[in-house]
Amino acid sequence: MYMRGAVKVLVLSFLAAAIGILPAAAGEWEFDAELSGDVRYFPDDAMFSGQLNDWQPSLAFTPELRWETDDRKHQLVFIPFFRLDAKDDERTHVDLREGYYRFNSDHNWSLTVGAAKVFWGRTESRHLVDIINQTDGVEDIDEEDKLGQPMLNLTVLNDWGTLDFFVMSGFRDRTFPGVEGRLRFGQIVDTDNAIFERGARRGAVDYAARYSHYIGNWDFGVSIFHGTSREPRFAIAPGGMNLQPVYDKITQGAIDLQYTKDAWLWKVEAIVREGHGDTFFASVAGFEYTLYQIFGASADLGLLAEYQYDGRDEGFVAESFGLASAAPVAVGNNDVFAGARLGFNDAQDASALVGISVDADDQTMGMFIEAERRIGQNWTAELETRLFFNVDPSNVANAFRDDDVVTLRLTRYF
């Protein structure tokens, strides 16, 4: 299970805050929950020994408990997450997605204490600047699912923009599929024996800050992060059977930018990072253009295109503990992405998203299809498909070339 000591402390802190605040202030409780049943289907036989074949069913439960005083100055949020997987033991896990106390001042500032999720980013195909939370890698390979991060977060709001300051500790290790899991490397990632290099460690203090604002049609954010990288490198474990994640101390500066003009959204994310080999630059840039009220004036179609560049070091280097990758694996170092987002604007909130990425160097292609629809008042059905084509043997996606997958998800809301 991936609830380490720092997160357990935050749960106790959350309870202590609740005990201290509740008797002194009136407020309102709100409880919601989601219960999802997932079935993954892999049409191709597994590539690696021990991997599951065909079907992978699982259940996920996400309760949400929220409390807020009548004057909205005090807030408590508690959102754990539970996944029970029938095939992959590593995918069965528990996490505290959010568990925090927030004080909202009358003077345009707020303070959050606890485990929280913070998202930074603009682009569709890759979220380069999103660095606060660790990726929950057993959920999917798209890096959209995040673990809760213990933090202190001071937010200052004013006419001149928003300033966020973060102090974090209790590093969260990235999760990876186990021996039975699909969408994994040929070698198992040994998450129990992670290596922390260059001053990085689980108890180290990380710092981050971000300034965001809008000027006319421009929305932008400028951020900096210093601390233990959420992206691991990989070392070849003694014997060569497993991989060990290697977490380094890094400094990253970033900018995210969006320009809105009529039906156009122009988007850019860019970073400069020090601490993974040579200092490197990476960016994602593109646009989304929306065609409104098509198909009998009932639907909107968004057309997307983005280019991904990443200049990090490739290959392996000799370390004191053995041979390790020079930098974390980059999935979009010279790739072109195109997609379409269709919203039906109906009573069932039906929508679909299709995207395909092509590596400009070797023409490896990855495609995804996502569709969802509400059923009645309390249910949603989702269909997700992920496909790989023309995979070059030297591409990182080669490990997934037989892992085409279709996922059906049914969710009940309470």
Protein backbone atom coordinates (compact mmCIF):
# COMPACT_ATOMS: atom_id res chain seq x y z
CA MET A 1 0.00 0.00 0.00
CA TYR A 2 1.23 3.49 -0.81
CA MET A 3 0.21 5.46 2.29
CA ARG A 4 3.58 6.26 3.82
CA GLY A 5 4.35 7.83 7.19
CA ALA A 6 4.00 11.47 6.19
CA VAL A 7 0.52 10.86 4.82
CA LYS A 8 -0.52 9.04 8.01
CA VAL A 9 0.65 12.03 10.01
CA LEU A 10 -1.47 14.28 7.84
CA VAL A 11 -4.54 12.14 8.49
CA LEU A 12 -3.99 12.59 12.22
CA SER A 13 -3.42 16.32 11.69
CA PHE A 14 -6.65 16.52 9.73
CA LEU A 15 -8.57 14.85 12.57
CA ALA A 16 -6.93 17.12 15.13
CA ALA A 17 -7.92 20.19 13.10
CA ALA A 18 -11.48 18.93 12.88
CA ILE A 19 -11.67 18.34 16.63
CA GLY A 20 -10.26 21.81 17.30
CA ILE A 21 -12.48 23.71 14.86
CA LEU A 22 -15.84 21.99 14.94
CA PRO A 23 -16.89 22.88 18.49
CA ALA A 24 -16.12 26.56 17.88
CA ALA A 25 -17.83 27.16 14.55
CA ALA A 26 -21.11 26.25 12.93
CA GLY A 27 -20.91 24.78 9.49
CA GLU A 28 -22.32 22.36 6.97
CA TRP A 29 -21.18 18.83 6.11
CA GLU A 30 -21.35 17.43 2.59
CA PHE A 31 -20.75 13.79 1.68
CA ASP A 32 -20.39 12.41 -1.86
CA ALA A 33 -18.93 9.20 -3.21
CA GLU A 34 -18.09 7.40 -6.43
CA LEU A 35 -18.06 3.63 -6.89
CA SER A 36 -16.63 2.44 -10.21
CA GLY A 37 -16.41 -0.96 -11.79
CA ASP A 38 -13.72 -1.24 -14.48
CA VAL A 39 -13.05 -4.01 -16.97
CA ARG A 40 -9.91 -3.84 -19.09
CA TYR A 41 -9.64 -6.13 -22.13
CA PHE A 42 -6.30 -6.87 -23.82
CA PRO A 43 -6.91 -8.54 -27.21
CA ASP A 44 -3.26 -9.57 -27.71
CA ASP A 45 -1.31 -12.11 -25.68
CA ALA A 46 1.04 -10.72 -23.06
CA MET A 47 4.60 -9.97 -24.13
CA PHE A 48 6.36 -10.68 -20.83
CA SER A 49 6.35 -13.68 -18.53
CA GLY A 50 3.84 -13.50 -15.68
CA GLN A 51 1.63 -10.84 -17.24
CA LEU A 52 -2.14 -11.26 -17.25
CA ASN A 53 -4.02 -12.13 -20.43
CA ASP A 54 -7.41 -10.99 -21.69
CA TRP A 55 -9.50 -9.51 -18.85
CA GLN A 56 -8.56 -7.29 -15.90
CA PRO A 57 -11.54 -6.34 -13.70
CA SER A 58 -11.26 -3.93 -10.76
CA LEU A 59 -13.30 -1.79 -8.37
CA ALA A 60 -12.52 1.78 -7.26
CA PHE A 61 -14.16 3.72 -4.43
CA THR A 62 -13.70 7.45 -3.79
CA PRO A 63 -15.64 8.95 -0.87
CA GLU A 64 -15.57 12.74 -0.40
CA LEU A 65 -16.21 14.41 2.93
CA ARG A 66 -16.31 18.22 2.97
CA TRP A 67 -17.12 20.72 5.69
CA GLU A 68 -17.29 24.51 5.54
CA THR A 69 -18.28 27.14 8.08
CA ASP A 70 -21.18 29.45 7.31
CA ASP A 71 -18.79 32.34 6.69
CA ARG A 72 -16.62 30.12 4.41
CA LYS A 73 -13.46 30.94 6.36
CA HIS A 74 -12.75 27.36 7.43
CA GLN A 75 -12.82 24.29 5.20
CA LEU A 76 -12.05 20.63 5.79
CA VAL A 77 -11.70 18.16 2.91
CA PHE A 78 -11.09 14.41 3.17
CA ILE A 79 -10.91 12.32 -0.05
CA PRO A 80 -9.34 8.85 0.20
CA PHE A 81 -9.08 6.52 -2.79
CA PHE A 82 -9.32 2.72 -2.86
CA ARG A 83 -8.60 0.40 -5.79
CA LEU A 84 -9.12 -3.40 -5.68
CA ASP A 85 -7.72 -5.17 -8.75
CA ALA A 86 -8.44 -8.82 -9.49
CA LYS A 87 -5.19 -9.51 -11.37
CA ASP A 88 -2.38 -7.09 -10.44
CA ASP A 89 -1.49 -6.90 -6.74
CA GLU A 90 0.38 -3.62 -7.25
CA ARG A 91 -2.73 -2.00 -8.71
CA THR A 92 -4.63 -2.81 -5.53
CA HIS A 93 -3.78 0.24 -3.46
CA VAL A 94 -4.98 2.97 -1.10
CA ASP A 95 -4.14 6.66 -1.26
CA LEU A 96 -5.16 9.85 0.47
CA ARG A 97 -5.91 11.96 -2.60
CA GLU A 98 -6.81 14.98 -0.46
CA GLY A 99 -7.02 15.56 3.27
CA TYR A 100 -6.52 19.18 4.27
CA TYR A 101 -7.65 22.15 6.31
CA ARG A 102 -7.96 25.52 4.55
CA PHE A 103 -8.34 28.96 6.13
CA ASN A 104 -9.72 31.70 3.88
CA SER A 105 -8.87 35.17 5.16
CA ASP A 106 -10.93 38.30 4.65
CA HIS A 107 -7.78 39.90 3.25
CA ASN A 108 -7.41 38.00 -0.05
CA TRP A 109 -5.25 35.14 1.11
CA SER A 110 -5.75 31.50 2.10
CA LEU A 111 -3.63 28.84 3.78
CA THR A 112 -3.95 25.11 3.06
CA VAL A 113 -2.39 22.51 5.37
CA GLY A 114 -2.50 18.81 4.51
CA ALA A 115 -2.48 16.49 1.53
CA ALA A 116 -3.82 18.18 -1.61
CA LYS A 117 -3.79 18.03 -5.39
CA VAL A 118 -2.63 20.98 -7.48
CA PHE A 119 -2.79 21.04 -11.27
CA TRP A 120 -0.74 23.34 -13.49
CA GLY A 121 -0.97 23.19 -17.26
CA ARG A 122 -2.72 24.18 -20.47
CA THR A 123 -1.95 21.66 -23.22
CA GLU A 124 -3.80 18.46 -24.04
CA SER A 125 -1.16 15.90 -24.99
CA ARG A 126 1.38 16.42 -22.21
CA HIS A 127 1.47 18.39 -18.94
CA LEU A 128 5.11 19.44 -18.66
CA VAL A 129 4.70 22.11 -15.99
CA ASP A 130 2.52 19.99 -13.67
CA ILE A 131 5.05 19.03 -10.99
CA ILE A 132 3.54 19.30 -7.51
CA ASN A 133 1.88 15.88 -7.28
CA GLN A 134 3.32 12.45 -7.97
CA THR A 135 1.84 10.28 -10.75
CA ASP A 136 -0.19 7.24 -9.76
CA GLY A 137 1.31 5.02 -12.45
CA VAL A 138 -0.74 1.90 -11.75
CA GLU A 139 -3.94 3.69 -12.78
CA ASP A 140 -2.86 4.39 -16.38
CA ILE A 141 0.15 5.48 -18.44
CA ASP A 142 -1.29 8.88 -19.38
CA GLU A 143 0.00 10.48 -16.13
CA GLU A 144 -3.42 12.02 -15.43
CA ASP A 145 -3.96 10.31 -12.06
CA LYS A 146 -2.10 11.86 -9.12
CA LEU A 147 -1.25 10.96 -5.52
CA GLY A 148 -2.00 13.41 -2.73
CA GLN A 149 0.99 15.57 -1.74
CA PRO A 150 1.58 16.75 1.86
CA MET A 151 2.06 20.52 1.79
CA LEU A 152 1.66 23.98 3.16
CA ASN A 153 0.17 26.22 0.46
CA LEU A 154 -0.22 29.98 0.85
CA THR A 155 -2.34 31.63 -1.86
CA VAL A 156 -2.48 35.41 -2.27
CA LEU A 157 -5.19 36.85 -4.54
CA ASN A 158 -5.14 40.41 -5.83
CA ASP A 159 -5.97 42.57 -8.84
CA TRP A 160 -2.42 42.13 -10.07
CA GLY A 161 -2.68 38.31 -10.10
CA THR A 162 -2.41 35.19 -7.94
CA LEU A 163 0.69 34.10 -6.02
CA ASP A 164 1.03 30.54 -4.71
CA PHE A 165 3.81 29.43 -2.36
CA PHE A 166 4.38 25.77 -1.47
CA VAL A 167 6.46 24.02 1.18
CA MET A 168 6.30 20.24 0.87
CA SER A 169 7.70 17.15 2.54
CA GLY A 170 6.75 13.50 2.71
CA PHE A 171 7.80 12.55 -0.82
CA ARG A 172 5.44 10.14 -2.61
CA ASP A 173 7.03 7.34 -4.63
CA ARG A 174 5.62 6.82 -8.12
CA THR A 175 3.58 3.63 -8.46
CA PHE A 176 4.18 1.02 -11.18
CA PRO A 177 2.42 -2.18 -12.31
CA GLY A 178 3.58 -5.46 -10.82
CA VAL A 179 4.59 -8.74 -12.46
CA GLU A 180 1.00 -9.48 -13.51
CA GLY A 181 0.33 -5.97 -14.80
CA ARG A 182 0.11 -4.86 -18.41
CA LEU A 183 1.39 -1.57 -19.85
CA ARG A 184 4.73 -2.06 -18.11
CA PHE A 185 8.39 -2.49 -18.98
CA GLY A 186 9.94 -5.91 -19.44
CA GLN A 187 11.76 -5.48 -16.14
CA ILE A 188 9.72 -4.91 -13.00
CA VAL A 189 10.24 -1.57 -11.24
CA ASP A 190 11.28 -2.34 -7.66
CA THR A 191 9.48 0.44 -5.79
CA ASP A 192 10.62 -0.94 -2.41
CA ASN A 193 14.27 -0.13 -3.15
CA ALA A 194 14.20 3.35 -4.62
CA ILE A 195 17.47 5.30 -4.77
CA PHE A 196 17.66 8.95 -3.72
CA GLU A 197 20.57 10.88 -5.21
CA ARG A 198 22.06 14.40 -4.95
CA GLY A 199 20.43 15.34 -1.67
CA ALA A 200 16.99 14.01 -2.62
CA ARG A 201 15.14 11.92 -0.03
CA ARG A 202 11.61 11.24 1.15
CA GLY A 203 11.89 13.56 4.13
CA ALA A 204 13.57 16.41 2.27
CA VAL A 205 11.74 19.73 2.01
CA ASP A 206 10.63 20.84 -1.46
CA TYR A 207 9.75 24.40 -2.43
CA ALA A 208 7.64 25.79 -5.25
CA ALA A 209 6.01 29.06 -6.26
CA ARG A 210 3.75 30.18 -9.08
CA TYR A 211 2.45 33.52 -10.31
CA SER A 212 -0.63 33.47 -12.57
CA HIS A 213 -2.68 36.25 -14.13
CA TYR A 214 -4.50 37.33 -17.27
CA ILE A 215 -4.03 40.38 -19.49
CA GLY A 216 -6.65 40.84 -22.16
CA ASN A 217 -6.84 37.59 -24.14
CA TRP A 218 -3.71 36.19 -22.48
CA ASP A 219 -3.71 33.81 -19.49
CA PHE A 220 -0.33 32.81 -18.14
CA GLY A 221 1.55 31.23 -15.28
CA VAL A 222 5.21 31.38 -14.29
CA SER A 223 6.50 28.82 -11.79
CA ILE A 224 9.61 27.46 -10.12
CA PHE A 225 10.20 24.18 -8.28
CA HIS A 226 13.20 23.04 -6.23
CA GLY A 227 13.26 19.63 -4.62
CA THR A 228 13.00 15.91 -5.28
CA SER A 229 11.94 15.13 -8.85
CA ARG A 230 8.58 13.44 -9.30
CA GLU A 231 10.02 11.76 -12.42
CA PRO A 232 12.43 8.91 -11.63
CA ARG A 233 15.37 7.76 -13.67
CA PHE A 234 15.93 3.99 -13.73
CA ALA A 235 18.92 1.97 -12.56
CA ILE A 236 19.52 -1.65 -13.48
CA ALA A 237 19.34 -3.59 -10.21
CA PRO A 238 22.07 -6.12 -9.34
CA GLY A 239 21.45 -9.23 -11.41
CA GLY A 240 19.67 -7.24 -14.09
CA MET A 241 16.23 -8.63 -13.29
CA ASN A 242 14.58 -5.45 -11.99
CA LEU A 243 14.73 -1.69 -12.37
CA GLN A 244 15.21 0.65 -9.43
CA PRO A 245 13.71 4.15 -9.54
CA VAL A 246 16.28 6.91 -8.98
CA TYR A 247 15.02 10.24 -7.64
CA ASP A 248 17.26 13.30 -7.99
CA LYS A 249 17.11 16.81 -6.63
CA ILE A 250 16.14 19.19 -9.43
CA THR A 251 15.37 22.84 -10.07
CA GLN A 252 12.73 23.58 -12.70
CA GLY A 253 11.51 26.88 -14.10
CA ALA A 254 8.36 26.84 -16.20
CA ILE A 255 5.85 28.94 -18.06
CA ASP A 256 2.35 28.08 -19.28
CA LEU A 257 0.50 30.38 -21.64
CA GLN A 258 -2.88 30.50 -23.35
CA TYR A 259 -4.18 33.01 -25.89
CA THR A 260 -7.93 33.06 -26.59
CA LYS A 261 -9.30 34.62 -29.76
CA ASP A 262 -12.82 33.82 -30.99
CA ALA A 263 -12.88 30.04 -31.58
CA TRP A 264 -9.09 29.67 -31.19
CA LEU A 265 -7.11 28.62 -28.12
CA TRP A 266 -3.33 28.84 -28.57
CA LYS A 267 -1.40 27.02 -25.83
CA VAL A 268 2.22 26.67 -24.72
CA GLU A 269 3.95 24.88 -21.86
CA ALA A 270 7.74 25.09 -21.51
CA ILE A 271 10.29 24.11 -18.86
CA VAL A 272 14.00 24.41 -18.17
CA ARG A 273 15.26 21.75 -15.74
CA GLU A 274 18.57 21.31 -13.95
CA GLY A 275 19.53 18.11 -12.14
CA HIS A 276 18.92 15.36 -14.71
CA GLY A 277 22.22 15.32 -16.57
CA ASP A 278 22.79 18.46 -18.60
CA THR A 279 20.31 21.29 -18.12
CA PHE A 280 17.60 20.86 -20.75
CA PHE A 281 14.63 22.59 -22.35
CA ALA A 282 11.29 20.97 -23.16
CA SER A 283 8.04 22.35 -24.52
CA VAL A 284 4.57 21.55 -25.84
CA ALA A 285 2.84 24.04 -28.13
CA GLY A 286 -0.30 23.96 -30.22
CA PHE A 287 -3.89 25.04 -30.63
CA GLU A 288 -7.52 24.06 -30.25
CA TYR A 289 -10.09 25.36 -32.73
CA THR A 290 -13.80 24.84 -31.97
CA LEU A 291 -16.56 24.48 -34.53
CA TYR A 292 -19.75 25.40 -32.71
CA GLN A 293 -23.27 24.05 -33.26
CA ILE A 294 -22.56 21.48 -35.93
CA PHE A 295 -24.62 18.36 -36.71
CA GLY A 296 -27.92 20.19 -36.64
CA ALA A 297 -26.72 22.90 -34.23
CA SER A 298 -26.52 20.40 -31.38
CA ALA A 299 -22.80 19.63 -31.01
CA ASP A 300 -19.41 21.35 -30.73
CA LEU A 301 -16.26 19.94 -32.33
CA GLY A 302 -12.83 20.95 -31.10
CA LEU A 303 -9.82 20.28 -33.34
CA LEU A 304 -6.45 19.95 -31.60
CA ALA A 305 -2.86 19.93 -32.78
CA GLU A 306 0.34 20.11 -30.69
CA TYR A 307 4.07 19.58 -31.08
CA GLN A 308 6.17 18.05 -28.29
CA TYR A 309 9.91 18.66 -27.89
CA ASP A 310 12.20 17.41 -25.14
CA GLY A 311 15.97 17.92 -25.05
CA ARG A 312 16.90 15.75 -22.05
CA ASP A 313 19.87 13.37 -22.16
CA GLU A 314 19.30 9.84 -23.44
CA GLY A 315 21.15 6.60 -22.84
CA PHE A 316 22.83 5.32 -19.68
CA VAL A 317 25.52 6.61 -17.32
CA ALA A 318 27.68 4.93 -14.70
CA GLU A 319 26.65 5.77 -11.12
CA SER A 320 28.08 4.70 -7.74
CA PHE A 321 25.31 2.09 -7.54
CA GLY A 322 25.71 0.83 -11.12
CA LEU A 323 24.33 1.65 -14.54
CA ALA A 324 21.40 4.09 -14.71
CA SER A 325 19.53 6.11 -17.33
CA ALA A 326 20.94 9.60 -17.78
CA ALA A 327 17.51 11.21 -17.33
CA PRO A 328 13.89 10.10 -16.88
CA VAL A 329 12.37 8.54 -19.98
CA ALA A 330 10.71 11.12 -22.26
CA VAL A 331 7.70 9.94 -24.24
CA GLY A 332 7.40 13.06 -26.39
CA ASN A 333 10.84 14.28 -27.39
CA ASN A 334 9.97 15.02 -31.04
CA ASP A 335 6.31 14.11 -31.49
CA VAL A 336 3.26 15.53 -33.24
CA PHE A 337 -0.19 15.20 -31.68
CA ALA A 338 -3.56 15.65 -33.39
CA GLY A 339 -6.99 15.13 -31.90
CA ALA A 340 -10.68 15.99 -31.88
CA ARG A 341 -13.05 16.66 -29.00
CA LEU A 342 -16.79 16.25 -29.63
CA GLY A 343 -19.39 17.51 -27.17
CA PHE A 344 -23.00 16.61 -27.99
CA ASN A 345 -24.51 19.23 -25.63
CA ASP A 346 -27.32 16.84 -24.76
CA ALA A 347 -29.08 16.02 -21.51
CA GLN A 348 -26.76 13.04 -20.97
CA ASP A 349 -23.54 15.13 -21.29
CA ALA A 350 -22.26 12.74 -23.95
CA SER A 351 -18.76 13.48 -25.25
CA ALA A 352 -15.86 11.86 -27.08
CA LEU A 353 -12.15 12.60 -27.43
CA VAL A 354 -9.80 11.06 -30.00
CA GLY A 355 -6.06 11.67 -30.20
CA ILE A 356 -3.03 10.27 -31.98
CA SER A 357 0.68 10.97 -31.42
CA VAL A 358 3.35 10.29 -34.04
CA ASP A 359 7.08 10.21 -33.31
CA ALA A 360 8.68 12.34 -36.01
CA ASP A 361 11.94 10.35 -35.79
CA ASP A 362 10.72 6.76 -36.15
CA GLN A 363 6.97 7.11 -36.93
CA THR A 364 5.86 5.18 -33.84
CA MET A 365 2.17 5.94 -33.26
CA GLY A 366 -0.02 5.85 -30.19
CA MET A 367 -3.76 6.45 -30.28
CA PHE A 368 -6.48 6.85 -27.66
CA ILE A 369 -10.27 7.12 -27.78
CA GLU A 370 -12.35 8.24 -24.81
CA ALA A 371 -16.14 8.47 -24.72
CA GLU A 372 -18.59 8.97 -21.84
CA ARG A 373 -22.30 9.40 -21.27
CA ARG A 374 -24.48 9.90 -18.23
CA ILE A 375 -27.17 7.29 -17.55
CA GLY A 376 -30.02 8.67 -15.53
CA GLN A 377 -29.15 10.94 -12.61
CA ASN A 378 -26.57 8.82 -10.79
CA TRP A 379 -24.65 6.74 -13.34
CA THR A 380 -22.06 7.32 -16.05
CA ALA A 381 -20.63 4.91 -18.61
CA GLU A 382 -17.15 5.40 -20.08
CA LEU A 383 -15.29 3.65 -22.87
CA GLU A 384 -11.54 4.07 -23.30
CA THR A 385 -9.29 2.56 -25.95
CA ARG A 386 -5.52 2.77 -26.24
CA LEU A 387 -3.74 1.47 -29.35
CA PHE A 388 -0.13 1.27 -30.58
CA PHE A 389 0.93 1.16 -34.25
CA ASN A 390 4.17 0.85 -36.19
CA VAL A 391 6.23 0.75 -32.98
CA ASP A 392 9.97 1.07 -33.57
CA PRO A 393 12.11 -1.36 -31.51
CA SER A 394 14.19 1.54 -30.16
CA ASN A 395 11.15 3.54 -29.00
CA VAL A 396 10.16 3.47 -25.31
CA ALA A 397 6.65 2.43 -26.42
CA ASN A 398 8.10 -0.86 -27.70
CA ALA A 399 7.40 -2.39 -24.27
CA PHE A 400 3.68 -1.70 -24.84
CA ARG A 401 3.39 -2.78 -28.48
CA ASP A 402 1.18 -5.78 -27.55
CA ASP A 403 -0.79 -3.86 -24.92
CA ASP A 404 -3.66 -2.48 -26.96
CA VAL A 405 -6.45 -2.17 -24.40
CA VAL A 406 -10.16 -1.42 -24.22
CA THR A 407 -11.60 -0.28 -20.88
CA LEU A 408 -15.27 -0.16 -19.94
CA ARG A 409 -16.12 1.76 -16.76
CA LEU A 410 -19.47 2.11 -15.01
CA THR A 411 -19.66 4.64 -12.16
CA ARG A 412 -22.36 5.15 -9.55
CA TYR A 413 -22.49 8.55 -7.81
CA PHE A 414 -23.90 8.89 -4.30
